[in-house]
């Protein structure tokens, strides 16, 4: 199976008319007036729809798509995607409520993450969703809560594999991890599941995120399927669910090449007959977050001051790391690179300059763009940070220094 890759770089996704960015078909200045304030996040529903449609074209039809709500839990975004994907995956009681409110069938919702509290587990059991077990202790708690409710909880085992996703932005498996049950401990846990009044559904095997290398994903999928087949030999019931995670990355920085999904899809197609023969009841799930929503969103802040310090120009905006921690460099914890940034109402601009875009916070880490060439901007112009649809507002320290809240809109 092969397919052409879509053009992923943000300028090709958001049209520019009369030198002004269009979001959801609305000129940026007009959108800002409708929102009524800056800063704000805007998510384009057309791009969300197109990404799901692209995946449906490229991936084998038997592969089911789940959306990882943690990537962007804005209710309107979740509701939009819930109509198009096969399931939702949550990581808290708050996200569970959003998923249920979106109208997703509880049987197609799963709940992962370490440290689930008893009230969260009780709500998950009552709702009839699948709990991805992270430890033996969590299994015992789930079984106890199920007995108290007179219900048989649905469970899957989140596996910490004995391998990792190579070249991933964040490694979630392999080595000592707080996530999941070590692969070598899973057989004993499966035997215990068979002794308890719980409904075993299958496995969740997730190794890493933000990967742009198809060869790394192919290797991880090969090893994931092999591991699932080994573990299924000890399962107390037929495996009905195999969540192989996601890890599909998007390009953020100069030099990043978009992920070529064609070889990944071909490899999945190669495995499907094997899995159908060996695990005939299993639904194979890809759980994607960033890849579904990341490129569909922008962050918009307004220039409130323009200053020159020792020959260098700074554009000071009313937004920054308190709303968009990732674009700032995560409090200096990573080697910072510039996200794609433009002056949204002067995208190309005949007059250009090298500037740094900074926020209003009392820290030099409040940096949205460092020495980038942009169109010459004045007070009142709008700075746009692309690739902002995932891990944006809810992954940022919004209360830091007590600045006003940020608005989110789906257009």
Foldseek 3Di string as FASTA:
>chain_A
DADDDDDQDQPVVFDADPQFTAALNHTPVVVCVVVPDDWAKEFELVLLVVLLVVCCVQADVLAFEEEECQFPVPLVSLLSCLVRGQAYEYAALVSVVSNVVSVHQQQRYEYFDPDHDLVGLLVNQVSQHEYADADLVVVVSNLVSCVVVVHAHEYEFEEQECDAQPPAPFFQHHDDHSGTDYLVCLLVSQVVSLVGRHHYAYYAYETHAADQELVSLLVLVVVLVVSRLVSQVSHNDQHQEYESEARQHGDFAPPRDHRRCNVVNVSVVVCVVVCCVRRVNYRYYYYDYLSSFQQRMKTKWFFADWDADPHAIEGETADFQQFFVVLLPNQVPDDHGAGDKAQNSNRPAPAKDFHWYAYDDPDPSRTNGHRDIYHDDDGGTMMMGGSQGTCGRVVGNNPVVHRDGYYYYYD
